[in-house]
Amino acid sequence: MLCVSPQVLTFYAPYDRSQRRIVTLLNPTNRQVLFKIKSKVWRHYTVIPNTGKIEPYTFIEVSISLKDLDFHEDLDYNHLFSIHFMYAPRHHLNGQTIQSIFREASRSNVSTKRLSVHLEAKPLLLANSSLDSLSRKVKINIEGGLHLRALCPDCPKMLAPQEQKKTKRNGLISKLVIIGSLVAVVFTAYMQRVQMYDMLTDNFYSDKEVL
């Protein structure tokens, strides 16, 4: 009915500042789903939104922020969130809050998923060796020039037959244009000769009539 991602929230030292994580709630069903988020350690966290509804085949993002925490590495912190969810009733009063719907709902209609919290004692840092290795690689590429790999090594071979076909096609078109031009010249000369013949014939017969 509801997919929760991630299933574990991890926070890192130092804990003298606020840290925010995003939880995605996905509704893969064809019905509207209601949810509410609860925790026994709510005073350490801010959850926005802590209640809501998710339309069919959509998702919603929930922001969970850890406030400043007096963290001690030797203590065991059992921080946990409970995500309660249910199908929205088909007939409910307008203006009825989600909290009231959950209070009136039967326990058999409400499901729960646990969202664990893991508090790391050490900060999240990138290894210096990794950064040094990365900087060396960048320097080598800059000094030696970037050797770009062809996205399609076989493209020239694939395009060669197409270029040959294109060349043959262009040659054929040129020949057709030349032949057409010659035909037009011959036809024009023929029509001029016909006109001259008709003109001479008309003049010949007109002279005879005068005589």
C-alpha atoms as a PDB file:
ATOM      1  CA  MET A   1       0.000   0.000   0.000  1.00  0.00           C
ATOM      2  CA  LEU A   2       2.904   2.381   0.755  1.00  0.00           C
ATOM      3  CA  CYS A   3       6.590   2.292  -0.213  1.00  0.00           C
ATOM      4  CA  VAL A   4       9.071   4.125   2.012  1.00  0.00           C
ATOM      5  CA  SER A   5      12.540   5.177   0.837  1.00  0.00           C
ATOM      6  CA  PRO A   6      15.050   5.166   2.435  1.00  0.00           C
ATOM      7  CA  GLN A   7      14.313   2.713   5.206  1.00  0.00           C
ATOM      8  CA  VAL A   8      17.130   4.016   7.421  1.00  0.00           C
ATOM      9  CA  LEU A   9      17.989   7.668   8.066  1.00  0.00           C
ATOM     10  CA  THR A  10      21.678   8.306   8.730  1.00  0.00           C
ATOM     11  CA  PHE A  11      22.968  11.455  10.407  1.00  0.00           C
ATOM     12  CA  TYR A  12      26.605  12.376  10.964  1.00  0.00           C
ATOM     13  CA  ALA A  13      28.567  14.249  13.606  1.00  0.00           C
ATOM     14  CA  PRO A  14      28.869  17.029  14.582  1.00  0.00           C
ATOM     15  CA  TYR A  15      25.398  17.347  16.098  1.00  0.00           C
ATOM     16  CA  ASP A  16      25.583  21.004  17.070  1.00  0.00           C
ATOM     17  CA  ARG A  17      23.676  22.036  13.953  1.00  0.00           C
ATOM     18  CA  SER A  18      20.505  21.032  12.105  1.00  0.00           C
ATOM     19  CA  GLN A  19      20.622  18.238   9.525  1.00  0.00           C
ATOM     20  CA  ARG A  20      17.849  17.479   7.048  1.00  0.00           C
ATOM     21  CA  ARG A  21      16.931  14.256   5.266  1.00  0.00           C
ATOM     22  CA  ILE A  22      14.232  13.559   2.670  1.00  0.00           C
ATOM     23  CA  VAL A  23      11.931  10.534   2.890  1.00  0.00           C
ATOM     24  CA  THR A  24       9.844   9.543  -0.136  1.00  0.00           C
ATOM     25  CA  LEU A  25       6.420   7.965   0.378  1.00  0.00           C
ATOM     26  CA  LEU A  26       5.083   6.282  -2.758  1.00  0.00           C
ATOM     27  CA  ASN A  27       1.500   5.168  -3.286  1.00  0.00           C
ATOM     28  CA  PRO A  28       1.502   2.367  -5.918  1.00  0.00           C
ATOM     29  CA  THR A  29      -2.242   1.698  -5.602  1.00  0.00           C
ATOM     30  CA  ASN A  30      -5.301   3.081  -7.373  1.00  0.00           C
ATOM     31  CA  ARG A  31      -6.760   4.524  -4.159  1.00  0.00           C
ATOM     32  CA  GLN A  32      -5.932   7.564  -2.076  1.00  0.00           C
ATOM     33  CA  VAL A  33      -3.720   6.790   0.942  1.00  0.00           C
ATOM     34  CA  LEU A  34      -3.587   8.733   4.215  1.00  0.00           C
ATOM     35  CA  PHE A  35      -0.491   8.771   6.434  1.00  0.00           C
ATOM     36  CA  LYS A  36       0.779  10.163   9.708  1.00  0.00           C
ATOM     37  CA  ILE A  37       4.292  10.036  11.162  1.00  0.00           C
ATOM     38  CA  LYS A  38       4.973   9.635  14.883  1.00  0.00           C
ATOM     39  CA  SER A  39       8.088   9.301  17.041  1.00  0.00           C
ATOM     40  CA  LYS A  40       8.861   8.973  20.749  1.00  0.00           C
ATOM     41  CA  VAL A  41      11.805  11.345  20.300  1.00  0.00           C
ATOM     42  CA  TRP A  42       9.833  13.996  18.447  1.00  0.00           C
ATOM     43  CA  ARG A  43      11.460  16.812  20.490  1.00  0.00           C
ATOM     44  CA  HIS A  44      14.741  16.187  18.619  1.00  0.00           C
ATOM     45  CA  TYR A  45      13.175  16.288  15.149  1.00  0.00           C
ATOM     46  CA  THR A  46      11.034  18.420  12.875  1.00  0.00           C
ATOM     47  CA  VAL A  47       8.829  16.508  10.405  1.00  0.00           C
ATOM     48  CA  ILE A  48       7.152  18.371   7.533  1.00  0.00           C
ATOM     49  CA  PRO A  49       4.493  17.278   6.749  1.00  0.00           C
ATOM     50  CA  ASN A  50       3.723  14.838   9.575  1.00  0.00           C
ATOM     51  CA  THR A  51       0.292  13.993   8.130  1.00  0.00           C
ATOM     52  CA  GLY A  52      -1.096  14.006   4.626  1.00  0.00           C
ATOM     53  CA  LYS A  53      -2.721  12.197   1.750  1.00  0.00           C
ATOM     54  CA  ILE A  54      -1.135  10.654  -1.325  1.00  0.00           C
ATOM     55  CA  GLU A  55      -3.049  10.407  -4.576  1.00  0.00           C
ATOM     56  CA  PRO A  56      -3.018   7.133  -6.574  1.00  0.00           C
ATOM     57  CA  TYR A  57       0.269   6.332  -8.336  1.00  0.00           C
ATOM     58  CA  THR A  58       2.010   9.418  -6.954  1.00  0.00           C
ATOM     59  CA  PHE A  59       4.482  10.178  -4.188  1.00  0.00           C
ATOM     60  CA  ILE A  60       5.172  12.806  -1.580  1.00  0.00           C
ATOM     61  CA  GLU A  61       8.457  13.940  -0.038  1.00  0.00           C
ATOM     62  CA  VAL A  62       8.712  14.349   3.729  1.00  0.00           C
ATOM     63  CA  SER A  63      11.437  16.509   5.270  1.00  0.00           C
ATOM     64  CA  ILE A  64      12.876  15.174   8.549  1.00  0.00           C
ATOM     65  CA  SER A  65      15.327  17.509  10.277  1.00  0.00           C
ATOM     66  CA  LEU A  66      17.443  16.576  13.289  1.00  0.00           C
ATOM     67  CA  LYS A  67      17.833  19.510  15.653  1.00  0.00           C
ATOM     68  CA  ASP A  68      20.981  20.120  17.654  1.00  0.00           C
ATOM     69  CA  LEU A  69      21.600  17.065  19.832  1.00  0.00           C
ATOM     70  CA  ASP A  70      23.822  16.550  22.876  1.00  0.00           C
ATOM     71  CA  PHE A  71      25.467  13.489  21.365  1.00  0.00           C
ATOM     72  CA  HIS A  72      27.616  11.067  23.357  1.00  0.00           C
ATOM     73  CA  GLU A  73      29.381   8.272  21.532  1.00  0.00           C
ATOM     74  CA  ASP A  74      29.090   5.826  24.435  1.00  0.00           C
ATOM     75  CA  LEU A  75      25.282   6.079  24.584  1.00  0.00           C
ATOM     76  CA  ASP A  76      22.833   3.944  22.608  1.00  0.00           C
ATOM     77  CA  TYR A  77      20.310   6.111  20.785  1.00  0.00           C
ATOM     78  CA  ASN A  78      17.222   4.177  19.799  1.00  0.00           C
ATOM     79  CA  HIS A  79      15.618   6.778  17.542  1.00  0.00           C
ATOM     80  CA  LEU A  80      12.730   5.470  15.488  1.00  0.00           C
ATOM     81  CA  PHE A  81       9.832   6.802  13.423  1.00  0.00           C
ATOM     82  CA  SER A  82       6.493   5.049  12.933  1.00  0.00           C
ATOM     83  CA  ILE A  83       4.677   5.708   9.669  1.00  0.00           C
ATOM     84  CA  HIS A  84       0.982   4.809   9.950  1.00  0.00           C
ATOM     85  CA  PHE A  85      -1.063   4.648   6.770  1.00  0.00           C
ATOM     86  CA  MET A  86      -4.464   3.537   5.519  1.00  0.00           C
ATOM     87  CA  TYR A  87      -6.783   3.863   2.553  1.00  0.00           C
ATOM     88  CA  ALA A  88      -8.836   7.040   2.642  1.00  0.00           C
ATOM     89  CA  PRO A  89     -12.477   6.235   3.523  1.00  0.00           C
ATOM     90  CA  ARG A  90     -14.753   6.441   0.507  1.00  0.00           C
ATOM     91  CA  HIS A  91     -17.309   8.412   2.507  1.00  0.00           C
ATOM     92  CA  HIS A  92     -15.949  10.848   5.073  1.00  0.00           C
ATOM     93  CA  LEU A  93     -17.157  14.223   6.240  1.00  0.00           C
ATOM     94  CA  ASN A  94     -15.745  17.288   4.530  1.00  0.00           C
ATOM     95  CA  GLY A  95     -13.357  19.150   6.795  1.00  0.00           C
ATOM     96  CA  GLN A  96     -12.573  16.037   8.821  1.00  0.00           C
ATOM     97  CA  THR A  97      -8.886  16.033   9.737  1.00  0.00           C
ATOM     98  CA  ILE A  98      -6.552  13.143   8.987  1.00  0.00           C
ATOM     99  CA  GLN A  99      -5.832  12.779  12.699  1.00  0.00           C
ATOM    100  CA  SER A 100      -9.537  12.329  13.445  1.00  0.00           C
ATOM    101  CA  ILE A 101      -9.895   9.790  10.613  1.00  0.00           C
ATOM    102  CA  PHE A 102      -7.074   7.731  12.117  1.00  0.00           C
ATOM    103  CA  ARG A 103      -8.632   7.957  15.590  1.00  0.00           C
ATOM    104  CA  GLU A 104     -11.948   6.643  14.285  1.00  0.00           C
ATOM    105  CA  ALA A 105     -10.421   3.966  12.025  1.00  0.00           C
ATOM    106  CA  SER A 106     -10.297   0.321  13.007  1.00  0.00           C
ATOM    107  CA  ARG A 107      -6.823  -0.989  13.858  1.00  0.00           C
ATOM    108  CA  SER A 108      -7.224  -3.675  11.223  1.00  0.00           C
ATOM    109  CA  ASN A 109      -7.402  -0.967   8.545  1.00  0.00           C
ATOM    110  CA  VAL A 110      -4.219   0.808   9.650  1.00  0.00           C
ATOM    111  CA  SER A 111      -0.758  -0.428   8.640  1.00  0.00           C
ATOM    112  CA  THR A 112       2.595   0.643  10.065  1.00  0.00           C
ATOM    113  CA  LYS A 113       6.143   0.840   8.752  1.00  0.00           C
ATOM    114  CA  ARG A 114       9.244   1.551  10.828  1.00  0.00           C
ATOM    115  CA  LEU A 115      11.837   4.109   9.824  1.00  0.00           C
ATOM    116  CA  SER A 116      15.073   3.584  11.733  1.00  0.00           C
ATOM    117  CA  VAL A 117      17.616   6.298  12.532  1.00  0.00           C
ATOM    118  CA  HIS A 118      21.369   5.712  12.650  1.00  0.00           C
ATOM    119  CA  LEU A 119      23.583   8.313  14.321  1.00  0.00           C
ATOM    120  CA  GLU A 120      27.207   8.240  13.179  1.00  0.00           C
ATOM    121  CA  ALA A 121      29.808   9.330  15.718  1.00  0.00           C
ATOM    122  CA  LYS A 122      32.214  10.537  13.022  1.00  0.00           C
ATOM    123  CA  PRO A 123      31.650  13.162  10.343  1.00  0.00           C
ATOM    124  CA  LEU A 124      31.305  12.238   6.698  1.00  0.00           C
ATOM    125  CA  LEU A 125      34.639  13.072   5.060  1.00  0.00           C
ATOM    126  CA  LEU A 126      36.261  12.214   1.760  1.00  0.00           C
ATOM    127  CA  ALA A 127      39.613  10.471   2.049  1.00  0.00           C
ATOM    128  CA  ASN A 128      42.575  12.735   1.306  1.00  0.00           C
ATOM    129  CA  SER A 129      44.175   9.984  -0.758  1.00  0.00           C
ATOM    130  CA  SER A 130      41.158   9.911  -3.047  1.00  0.00           C
ATOM    131  CA  LEU A 131      41.331  13.677  -3.517  1.00  0.00           C
ATOM    132  CA  ASP A 132      45.071  13.532  -4.238  1.00  0.00           C
ATOM    133  CA  SER A 133      44.540  10.746  -6.754  1.00  0.00           C
ATOM    134  CA  LEU A 134      41.774  12.718  -8.432  1.00  0.00           C
ATOM    135  CA  SER A 135      43.901  15.882  -8.630  1.00  0.00           C
ATOM    136  CA  ARG A 136      46.780  13.931 -10.184  1.00  0.00           C
ATOM    137  CA  LYS A 137      44.506  12.485 -12.839  1.00  0.00           C
ATOM    138  CA  VAL A 138      43.137  15.927 -13.669  1.00  0.00           C
ATOM    139  CA  LYS A 139      46.664  17.341 -13.914  1.00  0.00           C
ATOM    140  CA  ILE A 140      47.799  14.538 -16.244  1.00  0.00           C
ATOM    141  CA  ASN A 141      44.788  15.073 -18.499  1.00  0.00           C
ATOM    142  CA  ILE A 142      45.396  18.822 -18.676  1.00  0.00           C
ATOM    143  CA  GLU A 143      49.122  18.534 -19.380  1.00  0.00           C
ATOM    144  CA  GLY A 144      48.904  15.661 -21.828  1.00  0.00           C
ATOM    145  CA  GLY A 145      45.737  16.785 -23.532  1.00  0.00           C
ATOM    146  CA  LEU A 146      42.368  15.157 -23.292  1.00  0.00           C
ATOM    147  CA  HIS A 147      42.109  11.976 -25.329  1.00  0.00           C
ATOM    148  CA  LEU A 148      38.463  11.725 -26.179  1.00  0.00           C
ATOM    149  CA  ARG A 149      37.123   8.323 -27.054  1.00  0.00           C
ATOM    150  CA  ALA A 150      34.825   8.131 -30.036  1.00  0.00           C
ATOM    151  CA  LEU A 151      31.244   7.526 -29.053  1.00  0.00           C
ATOM    152  CA  CYS A 152      30.761   5.297 -32.093  1.00  0.00           C
ATOM    153  CA  PRO A 153      34.010   3.722 -33.365  1.00  0.00           C
ATOM    154  CA  ASP A 154      32.215   1.890 -36.182  1.00  0.00           C
ATOM    155  CA  CYS A 155      30.336   4.968 -37.395  1.00  0.00           C
ATOM    156  CA  PRO A 156      32.814   5.750 -40.258  1.00  0.00           C
ATOM    157  CA  LYS A 157      32.433   2.206 -41.589  1.00  0.00           C
ATOM    158  CA  MET A 158      28.673   2.425 -41.314  1.00  0.00           C
ATOM    159  CA  LEU A 159      28.538   5.827 -42.991  1.00  0.00           C
ATOM    160  CA  ALA A 160      30.889   4.914 -45.889  1.00  0.00           C
ATOM    161  CA  PRO A 161      28.243   2.943 -47.901  1.00  0.00           C
ATOM    162  CA  GLN A 162      25.779   5.771 -47.330  1.00  0.00           C
ATOM    163  CA  GLU A 163      28.300   8.313 -48.663  1.00  0.00           C
ATOM    164  CA  GLN A 164      28.899   6.121 -51.721  1.00  0.00           C
ATOM    165  CA  LYS A 165      25.164   5.853 -52.350  1.00  0.00           C
ATOM    166  CA  LYS A 166      24.844   9.608 -51.932  1.00  0.00           C
ATOM    167  CA  THR A 167      27.664  10.213 -54.459  1.00  0.00           C
ATOM    168  CA  LYS A 168      26.092   7.830 -56.993  1.00  0.00           C
ATOM    169  CA  ARG A 169      22.715   9.472 -56.501  1.00  0.00           C
ATOM    170  CA  ASN A 170      24.178  12.940 -57.065  1.00  0.00           C
ATOM    171  CA  GLY A 171      25.967  11.708 -60.225  1.00  0.00           C
ATOM    172  CA  LEU A 172      22.740  10.233 -61.591  1.00  0.00           C
ATOM    173  CA  ILE A 173      20.868  13.467 -60.933  1.00  0.00           C
ATOM    174  CA  SER A 174      23.581  15.451 -62.750  1.00  0.00           C
ATOM    175  CA  LYS A 175      23.337  13.150 -65.780  1.00  0.00           C
ATOM    176  CA  LEU A 176      19.561  13.483 -65.856  1.00  0.00           C
ATOM    177  CA  VAL A 177      19.853  17.280 -65.731  1.00  0.00           C
ATOM    178  CA  ILE A 178      22.334  17.294 -68.646  1.00  0.00           C
ATOM    179  CA  ILE A 179      20.166  14.950 -70.739  1.00  0.00           C
ATOM    180  CA  GLY A 180      17.103  17.055 -70.004  1.00  0.00           C
ATOM    181  CA  SER A 181      18.923  20.214 -71.066  1.00  0.00           C
ATOM    182  CA  LEU A 182      20.025  18.605 -74.350  1.00  0.00           C
ATOM    183  CA  VAL A 183      16.498  17.403 -75.070  1.00  0.00           C
ATOM    184  CA  ALA A 184      15.169  20.902 -74.401  1.00  0.00           C
ATOM    185  CA  VAL A 185      17.737  22.438 -76.801  1.00  0.00           C
ATOM    186  CA  VAL A 186      16.931  19.916 -79.558  1.00  0.00           C
ATOM    187  CA  PHE A 187      13.197  20.387 -79.087  1.00  0.00           C
ATOM    188  CA  THR A 188      13.542  24.182 -79.212  1.00  0.00           C
ATOM    189  CA  ALA A 189      15.618  23.997 -82.428  1.00  0.00           C
ATOM    190  CA  TYR A 190      13.055  21.650 -83.980  1.00  0.00           C
ATOM    191  CA  MET A 191      10.170  23.966 -83.125  1.00  0.00           C
ATOM    192  CA  GLN A 192      12.055  26.936 -84.611  1.00  0.00           C
ATOM    193  CA  ARG A 193      12.632  25.001 -87.862  1.00  0.00           C
ATOM    194  CA  VAL A 194       8.942  24.096 -88.015  1.00  0.00           C
ATOM    195  CA  GLN A 195       7.970  27.738 -87.549  1.00  0.00           C
ATOM    196  CA  MET A 196      10.422  28.848 -90.264  1.00  0.00           C
ATOM    197  CA  TYR A 197       9.086  26.178 -92.649  1.00  0.00           C
ATOM    198  CA  ASP A 198       5.503  27.281 -92.054  1.00  0.00           C
ATOM    199  CA  MET A 199       6.492  30.909 -92.611  1.00  0.00           C
ATOM    200  CA  LEU A 200       8.256  30.146 -95.907  1.00  0.00           C
ATOM    201  CA  THR A 201       5.317  28.035 -97.092  1.00  0.00           C
ATOM    202  CA  ASP A 202       2.856  30.813 -96.337  1.00  0.00           C
ATOM    203  CA  ASN A 203       5.001  33.359 -98.196  1.00  0.00           C
ATOM    204  CA  PHE A 204       5.360  31.031-101.213  1.00  0.00           C
ATOM    205  CA  TYR A 205       1.613  30.494-101.613  1.00  0.00           C
ATOM    206  CA  SER A 206       0.836  34.146-101.043  1.00  0.00           C
ATOM    207  CA  ASP A 207       3.258  35.112-103.862  1.00  0.00           C
ATOM    208  CA  LYS A 208       1.543  32.635-106.211  1.00  0.00           C
ATOM    209  CA  GLU A 209      -1.845  34.106-105.518  1.00  0.00           C
ATOM    210  CA  VAL A 210      -0.538  37.578-106.328  1.00  0.00           C
ATOM    211  CA  LEU A 211       0.777  36.382-109.693  1.00  0.00           C
END
